[in-house]
Amino acid sequence: MTTTATFSVTGMTCEHCVAAVRDEVAAVGGVRRVEVELATGTLTVDSDGPVDRTAIAAAVDEAGYALSTA
């Protein structure tokens, strides 16, 4: 069963930012698809099961950005 979760990412300013976030999040175990929208700062993740927010936050942090707390 595929689960979809949407997050807000702060700090992205260009397509390089988008690629960095996408690549780091795609490497998280169980993630099947990642979509990052620069204009809205939206990160959408499809995964094999419930999305581990902590793992996603760590991947976004590794890329140099942060999940919004709001």
PDB file of N, CA and C in Angstrom:
ATOM      1  N   MET A   1       0.839  -1.178   0.000  1.00  0.00           N
ATOM      2  CA  MET A   1       0.000   0.000   0.000  1.00  0.00           C
ATOM      3  C   MET A   1       0.885   1.242   0.000  1.00  0.00           C
ATOM      4  N   THR A   2       0.662   2.127  -0.943  1.00  0.00           N
ATOM      5  CA  THR A   2       1.434   3.357  -1.035  1.00  0.00           C
ATOM      6  C   THR A   2       0.799   4.435  -0.164  1.00  0.00           C
ATOM      7  N   THR A   3       1.648   5.137   0.578  1.00  0.00           N
ATOM      8  CA  THR A   3       1.219   6.245   1.419  1.00  0.00           C
ATOM      9  C   THR A   3       1.815   7.526   0.856  1.00  0.00           C
ATOM     10  N   THR A   4       1.040   8.603   0.850  1.00  0.00           N
ATOM     11  CA  THR A   4       1.521   9.893   0.387  1.00  0.00           C
ATOM     12  C   THR A   4       1.503  10.882   1.540  1.00  0.00           C
ATOM     13  N   ALA A   5       2.597  11.638   1.677  1.00  0.00           N
ATOM     14  CA  ALA A   5       2.684  12.673   2.707  1.00  0.00           C
ATOM     15  C   ALA A   5       3.243  13.933   2.062  1.00  0.00           C
ATOM     16  N   THR A   6       2.770  15.071   2.535  1.00  0.00           N
ATOM     17  CA  THR A   6       3.216  16.356   2.009  1.00  0.00           C
ATOM     18  C   THR A   6       3.814  17.179   3.143  1.00  0.00           C
ATOM     19  N   PHE A   7       4.936  17.820   2.845  1.00  0.00           N
ATOM     20  CA  PHE A   7       5.653  18.632   3.817  1.00  0.00           C
ATOM     21  C   PHE A   7       5.976  19.984   3.199  1.00  0.00           C
ATOM     22  N   SER A   8       6.272  20.966   4.041  1.00  0.00           N
ATOM     23  CA  SER A   8       6.765  22.266   3.590  1.00  0.00           C
ATOM     24  C   SER A   8       8.248  22.337   3.894  1.00  0.00           C
ATOM     25  N   VAL A   9       9.019  22.802   2.913  1.00  0.00           N
ATOM     26  CA  VAL A   9      10.465  22.924   3.064  1.00  0.00           C
ATOM     27  C   VAL A   9      10.829  24.406   2.995  1.00  0.00           C
ATOM     28  N   THR A  10      11.667  24.853   3.927  1.00  0.00           N
ATOM     29  CA  THR A  10      12.099  26.244   3.932  1.00  0.00           C
ATOM     30  C   THR A  10      13.537  26.349   3.438  1.00  0.00           C
ATOM     31  N   GLY A  11      13.838  27.458   2.785  1.00  0.00           N
ATOM     32  CA  GLY A  11      15.198  27.761   2.376  1.00  0.00           C
ATOM     33  C   GLY A  11      15.544  27.497   0.922  1.00  0.00           C
ATOM     34  N   MET A  12      14.679  26.840   0.179  1.00  0.00           N
ATOM     35  CA  MET A  12      14.985  26.551  -1.229  1.00  0.00           C
ATOM     36  C   MET A  12      14.810  27.809  -2.070  1.00  0.00           C
ATOM     37  N   THR A  13      15.789  28.064  -2.965  1.00  0.00           N
ATOM     38  CA  THR A  13      15.724  29.260  -3.803  1.00  0.00           C
ATOM     39  C   THR A  13      15.918  28.988  -5.290  1.00  0.00           C
ATOM     40  N   CYS A  14      16.313  27.747  -5.650  1.00  0.00           N
ATOM     41  CA  CYS A  14      16.603  27.475  -7.058  1.00  0.00           C
ATOM     42  C   CYS A  14      16.405  25.991  -7.369  1.00  0.00           C
ATOM     43  N   GLU A  15      16.573  25.645  -8.625  1.00  0.00           N
ATOM     44  CA  GLU A  15      16.403  24.255  -9.053  1.00  0.00           C
ATOM     45  C   GLU A  15      17.483  23.341  -8.465  1.00  0.00           C
ATOM     46  N   HIS A  16      18.650  23.885  -8.180  1.00  0.00           N
ATOM     47  CA  HIS A  16      19.684  23.080  -7.520  1.00  0.00           C
ATOM     48  C   HIS A  16      19.188  22.650  -6.133  1.00  0.00           C
ATOM     49  N   CYS A  17      18.533  23.560  -5.432  1.00  0.00           N
ATOM     50  CA  CYS A  17      17.953  23.244  -4.117  1.00  0.00           C
ATOM     51  C   CYS A  17      16.943  22.108  -4.252  1.00  0.00           C
ATOM     52  N   VAL A  18      16.096  22.214  -5.247  1.00  0.00           N
ATOM     53  CA  VAL A  18      15.072  21.196  -5.500  1.00  0.00           C
ATOM     54  C   VAL A  18      15.728  19.837  -5.729  1.00  0.00           C
ATOM     55  N   ALA A  19      16.756  19.804  -6.562  1.00  0.00           N
ATOM     56  CA  ALA A  19      17.445  18.546  -6.870  1.00  0.00           C
ATOM     57  C   ALA A  19      18.108  17.966  -5.628  1.00  0.00           C
ATOM     58  N   ALA A  20      18.711  18.814  -4.808  1.00  0.00           N
ATOM     59  CA  ALA A  20      19.374  18.333  -3.592  1.00  0.00           C
ATOM     60  C   ALA A  20      18.369  17.697  -2.642  1.00  0.00           C
ATOM     61  N   VAL A  21      17.246  18.353  -2.437  1.00  0.00           N
ATOM     62  CA  VAL A  21      16.205  17.808  -1.554  1.00  0.00           C
ATOM     63  C   VAL A  21      15.655  16.509  -2.140  1.00  0.00           C
ATOM     64  N   ARG A  22      15.334  16.534  -3.418  1.00  0.00           N
ATOM     65  CA  ARG A  22      14.776  15.347  -4.077  1.00  0.00           C
ATOM     66  C   ARG A  22      15.715  14.151  -3.946  1.00  0.00           C
ATOM     67  N   ASP A  23      16.996  14.343  -4.207  1.00  0.00           N
ATOM     68  CA  ASP A  23      17.959  13.241  -4.168  1.00  0.00           C
ATOM     69  C   ASP A  23      18.131  12.682  -2.756  1.00  0.00           C
ATOM     70  N   GLU A  24      18.208  13.547  -1.759  1.00  0.00           N
ATOM     71  CA  GLU A  24      18.379  13.083  -0.373  1.00  0.00           C
ATOM     72  C   GLU A  24      17.147  12.332   0.111  1.00  0.00           C
ATOM     73  N   VAL A  25      15.963  12.866  -0.181  1.00  0.00           N
ATOM     74  CA  VAL A  25      14.730  12.215   0.275  1.00  0.00           C
ATOM     75  C   VAL A  25      14.513  10.900  -0.466  1.00  0.00           C
ATOM     76  N   ALA A  26      14.876  10.851  -1.737  1.00  0.00           N
ATOM     77  CA  ALA A  26      14.717   9.620  -2.513  1.00  0.00           C
ATOM     78  C   ALA A  26      15.550   8.482  -1.947  1.00  0.00           C
ATOM     79  N   ALA A  27      16.610   8.801  -1.230  1.00  0.00           N
ATOM     80  CA  ALA A  27      17.487   7.780  -0.657  1.00  0.00           C
ATOM     81  C   ALA A  27      16.951   7.195   0.657  1.00  0.00           C
ATOM     82  N   VAL A  28      15.889   7.779   1.198  1.00  0.00           N
ATOM     83  CA  VAL A  28      15.294   7.265   2.444  1.00  0.00           C
ATOM     84  C   VAL A  28      14.607   5.935   2.143  1.00  0.00           C
ATOM     85  N   GLY A  29      14.828   4.960   2.992  1.00  0.00           N
ATOM     86  CA  GLY A  29      14.245   3.642   2.802  1.00  0.00           C
ATOM     87  C   GLY A  29      12.724   3.677   2.693  1.00  0.00           C
ATOM     88  N   GLY A  30      12.199   2.961   1.703  1.00  0.00           N
ATOM     89  CA  GLY A  30      10.754   2.856   1.506  1.00  0.00           C
ATOM     90  C   GLY A  30      10.157   3.936   0.623  1.00  0.00           C
ATOM     91  N   VAL A  31      10.930   4.987   0.323  1.00  0.00           N
ATOM     92  CA  VAL A  31      10.415   6.074  -0.516  1.00  0.00           C
ATOM     93  C   VAL A  31      10.354   5.592  -1.961  1.00  0.00           C
ATOM     94  N   ARG A  32       9.197   5.777  -2.569  1.00  0.00           N
ATOM     95  CA  ARG A  32       9.000   5.341  -3.958  1.00  0.00           C
ATOM     96  C   ARG A  32       9.070   6.505  -4.945  1.00  0.00           C
ATOM     97  N   ARG A  33       8.541   7.669  -4.529  1.00  0.00           N
ATOM     98  CA  ARG A  33       8.502   8.825  -5.430  1.00  0.00           C
ATOM     99  C   ARG A  33       8.638  10.088  -4.612  1.00  0.00           C
ATOM    100  N   VAL A  34       9.363  11.069  -5.164  1.00  0.00           N
ATOM    101  CA  VAL A  34       9.550  12.362  -4.505  1.00  0.00           C
ATOM    102  C   VAL A  34       9.237  13.451  -5.511  1.00  0.00           C
ATOM    103  N   GLU A  35       8.445  14.415  -5.089  1.00  0.00           N
ATOM    104  CA  GLU A  35       8.153  15.574  -5.922  1.00  0.00           C
ATOM    105  C   GLU A  35       8.407  16.813  -5.082  1.00  0.00           C
ATOM    106  N   VAL A  36       9.204  17.744  -5.610  1.00  0.00           N
ATOM    107  CA  VAL A  36       9.527  18.978  -4.910  1.00  0.00           C
ATOM    108  C   VAL A  36       9.088  20.143  -5.780  1.00  0.00           C
ATOM    109  N   GLU A  37       8.305  21.032  -5.219  1.00  0.00           N
ATOM    110  CA  GLU A  37       7.784  22.197  -5.936  1.00  0.00           C
ATOM    111  C   GLU A  37       8.439  23.451  -5.363  1.00  0.00           C
ATOM    112  N   LEU A  38       9.328  24.077  -6.146  1.00  0.00           N
ATOM    113  CA  LEU A  38      10.066  25.249  -5.688  1.00  0.00           C
ATOM    114  C   LEU A  38       9.143  26.417  -5.356  1.00  0.00           C
ATOM    115  N   ALA A  39       8.187  26.699  -6.221  1.00  0.00           N
ATOM    116  CA  ALA A  39       7.332  27.881  -6.046  1.00  0.00           C
ATOM    117  C   ALA A  39       6.547  27.858  -4.734  1.00  0.00           C
ATOM    118  N   THR A  40       6.148  26.677  -4.306  1.00  0.00           N
ATOM    119  CA  THR A  40       5.339  26.565  -3.091  1.00  0.00           C
ATOM    120  C   THR A  40       6.130  26.024  -1.901  1.00  0.00           C
ATOM    121  N   GLY A  41       7.349  25.551  -2.149  1.00  0.00           N
ATOM    122  CA  GLY A  41       8.150  24.936  -1.089  1.00  0.00           C
ATOM    123  C   GLY A  41       7.559  23.630  -0.602  1.00  0.00           C
ATOM    124  N   THR A  42       6.873  22.938  -1.490  1.00  0.00           N
ATOM    125  CA  THR A  42       6.174  21.712  -1.128  1.00  0.00           C
ATOM    126  C   THR A  42       6.981  20.478  -1.510  1.00  0.00           C
ATOM    127  N   LEU A  43       7.031  19.530  -0.580  1.00  0.00           N
ATOM    128  CA  LEU A  43       7.678  18.238  -0.789  1.00  0.00           C
ATOM    129  C   LEU A  43       6.613  17.163  -0.633  1.00  0.00           C
ATOM    130  N   THR A  44       6.407  16.371  -1.681  1.00  0.00           N
ATOM    131  CA  THR A  44       5.437  15.282  -1.630  1.00  0.00           C
ATOM    132  C   THR A  44       6.191  13.969  -1.763  1.00  0.00           C
ATOM    133  N   VAL A  45       5.906  13.052  -0.834  1.00  0.00           N
ATOM    134  CA  VAL A  45       6.610  11.783  -0.776  1.00  0.00           C
ATOM    135  C   VAL A  45       5.611  10.638  -0.843  1.00  0.00           C
ATOM    136  N   ASP A  46       5.818   9.720  -1.771  1.00  0.00           N
ATOM    137  CA  ASP A  46       5.070   8.465  -1.823  1.00  0.00           C
ATOM    138  C   ASP A  46       5.991   7.388  -1.270  1.00  0.00           C
ATOM    139  N   SER A  47       5.475   6.571  -0.347  1.00  0.00           N
ATOM    140  CA  SER A  47       6.301   5.533   0.252  1.00  0.00           C
ATOM    141  C   SER A  47       5.533   4.232   0.376  1.00  0.00           C
ATOM    142  N   ASP A  48       6.275   3.181   0.696  1.00  0.00           N
ATOM    143  CA  ASP A  48       5.688   1.850   0.819  1.00  0.00           C
ATOM    144  C   ASP A  48       4.788   1.710   2.040  1.00  0.00           C
ATOM    145  N   GLY A  49       4.945   2.572   3.012  1.00  0.00           N
ATOM    146  CA  GLY A  49       4.148   2.514   4.241  1.00  0.00           C
ATOM    147  C   GLY A  49       4.101   3.893   4.851  1.00  0.00           C
ATOM    148  N   PRO A  50       3.767   3.993   6.118  1.00  0.00           N
ATOM    149  CA  PRO A  50       3.734   5.301   6.765  1.00  0.00           C
ATOM    150  C   PRO A  50       5.074   6.017   6.624  1.00  0.00           C
ATOM    151  N   VAL A  51       5.024   7.297   6.330  1.00  0.00           N
ATOM    152  CA  VAL A  51       6.226   8.092   6.130  1.00  0.00           C
ATOM    153  C   VAL A  51       6.828   8.445   7.487  1.00  0.00           C
ATOM    154  N   ASP A  52       8.111   8.195   7.645  1.00  0.00           N
ATOM    155  CA  ASP A  52       8.833   8.527   8.867  1.00  0.00           C
ATOM    156  C   ASP A  52       9.273   9.985   8.783  1.00  0.00           C
ATOM    157  N   ARG A  53       8.522  10.874   9.458  1.00  0.00           N
ATOM    158  CA  ARG A  53       8.802  12.312   9.388  1.00  0.00           C
ATOM    159  C   ARG A  53      10.230  12.613   9.839  1.00  0.00           C
ATOM    160  N   THR A  54      10.713  11.898  10.836  1.00  0.00           N
ATOM    161  CA  THR A  54      12.063  12.123  11.337  1.00  0.00           C
ATOM    162  C   THR A  54      13.096  11.821  10.259  1.00  0.00           C
ATOM    163  N   ALA A  55      12.916  10.736   9.528  1.00  0.00           N
ATOM    164  CA  ALA A  55      13.853  10.372   8.456  1.00  0.00           C
ATOM    165  C   ALA A  55      13.788  11.378   7.312  1.00  0.00           C
ATOM    166  N   ILE A  56      12.587  11.836   6.992  1.00  0.00           N
ATOM    167  CA  ILE A  56      12.443  12.844   5.929  1.00  0.00           C
ATOM    168  C   ILE A  56      13.103  14.144   6.357  1.00  0.00           C
ATOM    169  N   ALA A  57      12.871  14.562   7.602  1.00  0.00           N
ATOM    170  CA  ALA A  57      13.477  15.791   8.122  1.00  0.00           C
ATOM    171  C   ALA A  57      15.001  15.699   8.093  1.00  0.00           C
ATOM    172  N   ALA A  58      15.544  14.538   8.453  1.00  0.00           N
ATOM    173  CA  ALA A  58      16.995  14.342   8.439  1.00  0.00           C
ATOM    174  C   ALA A  58      17.543  14.428   7.015  1.00  0.00           C
ATOM    175  N   ALA A  59      16.824  13.873   6.055  1.00  0.00           N
ATOM    176  CA  ALA A  59      17.256  13.925   4.653  1.00  0.00           C
ATOM    177  C   ALA A  59      17.218  15.359   4.125  1.00  0.00           C
ATOM    178  N   VAL A  60      16.169  16.084   4.457  1.00  0.00           N
ATOM    179  CA  VAL A  60      16.058  17.486   4.028  1.00  0.00           C
ATOM    180  C   VAL A  60      17.171  18.298   4.671  1.00  0.00           C
ATOM    181  N   ASP A  61      17.454  18.031   5.947  1.00  0.00           N
ATOM    182  CA  ASP A  61      18.545  18.713   6.658  1.00  0.00           C
ATOM    183  C   ASP A  61      19.879  18.406   6.005  1.00  0.00           C
ATOM    184  N   GLU A  62      20.085  17.169   5.604  1.00  0.00           N
ATOM    185  CA  GLU A  62      21.325  16.766   4.937  1.00  0.00           C
ATOM    186  C   GLU A  62      21.518  17.536   3.627  1.00  0.00           C
ATOM    187  N   ALA A  63      20.405  17.865   2.984  1.00  0.00           N
ATOM    188  CA  ALA A  63      20.460  18.631   1.731  1.00  0.00           C
ATOM    189  C   ALA A  63      20.725  20.115   1.993  1.00  0.00           C
ATOM    190  N   GLY A  64      20.597  20.528   3.264  1.00  0.00           N
ATOM    191  CA  GLY A  64      20.870  21.919   3.616  1.00  0.00           C
ATOM    192  C   GLY A  64      19.645  22.777   3.848  1.00  0.00           C
ATOM    193  N   TYR A  65      18.500  22.139   4.024  1.00  0.00           N
ATOM    194  CA  TYR A  65      17.237  22.862   4.178  1.00  0.00           C
ATOM    195  C   TYR A  65      16.506  22.320   5.392  1.00  0.00           C
ATOM    196  N   ALA A  66      15.287  22.781   5.635  1.00  0.00           N
ATOM    197  CA  ALA A  66      14.558  22.342   6.816  1.00  0.00           C
ATOM    198  C   ALA A  66      13.084  22.169   6.496  1.00  0.00           C
ATOM    199  N   LEU A  67      12.465  21.205   7.187  1.00  0.00           N
ATOM    200  CA  LEU A  67      11.014  21.086   7.114  1.00  0.00           C
ATOM    201  C   LEU A  67      10.430  22.206   7.946  1.00  0.00           C
ATOM    202  N   SER A  68       9.369  22.791   7.458  1.00  0.00           N
ATOM    203  CA  SER A  68       8.685  23.851   8.197  1.00  0.00           C
ATOM    204  C   SER A  68       7.989  23.234   9.402  1.00  0.00           C
ATOM    205  N   THR A  69       7.998  23.935  10.516  1.00  0.00           N
ATOM    206  CA  THR A  69       7.322  23.452  11.710  1.00  0.00           C
ATOM    207  C   THR A  69       5.831  23.741  11.673  1.00  0.00           C
ATOM    208  N   ALA A  70       5.425  24.608  10.772  1.00  0.00           N
ATOM    209  CA  ALA A  70       4.002  24.983  10.683  1.00  0.00           C
ATOM    210  C   ALA A  70       3.202  23.926   9.964  1.00  0.00           C
TER     211      ALA A  70
END
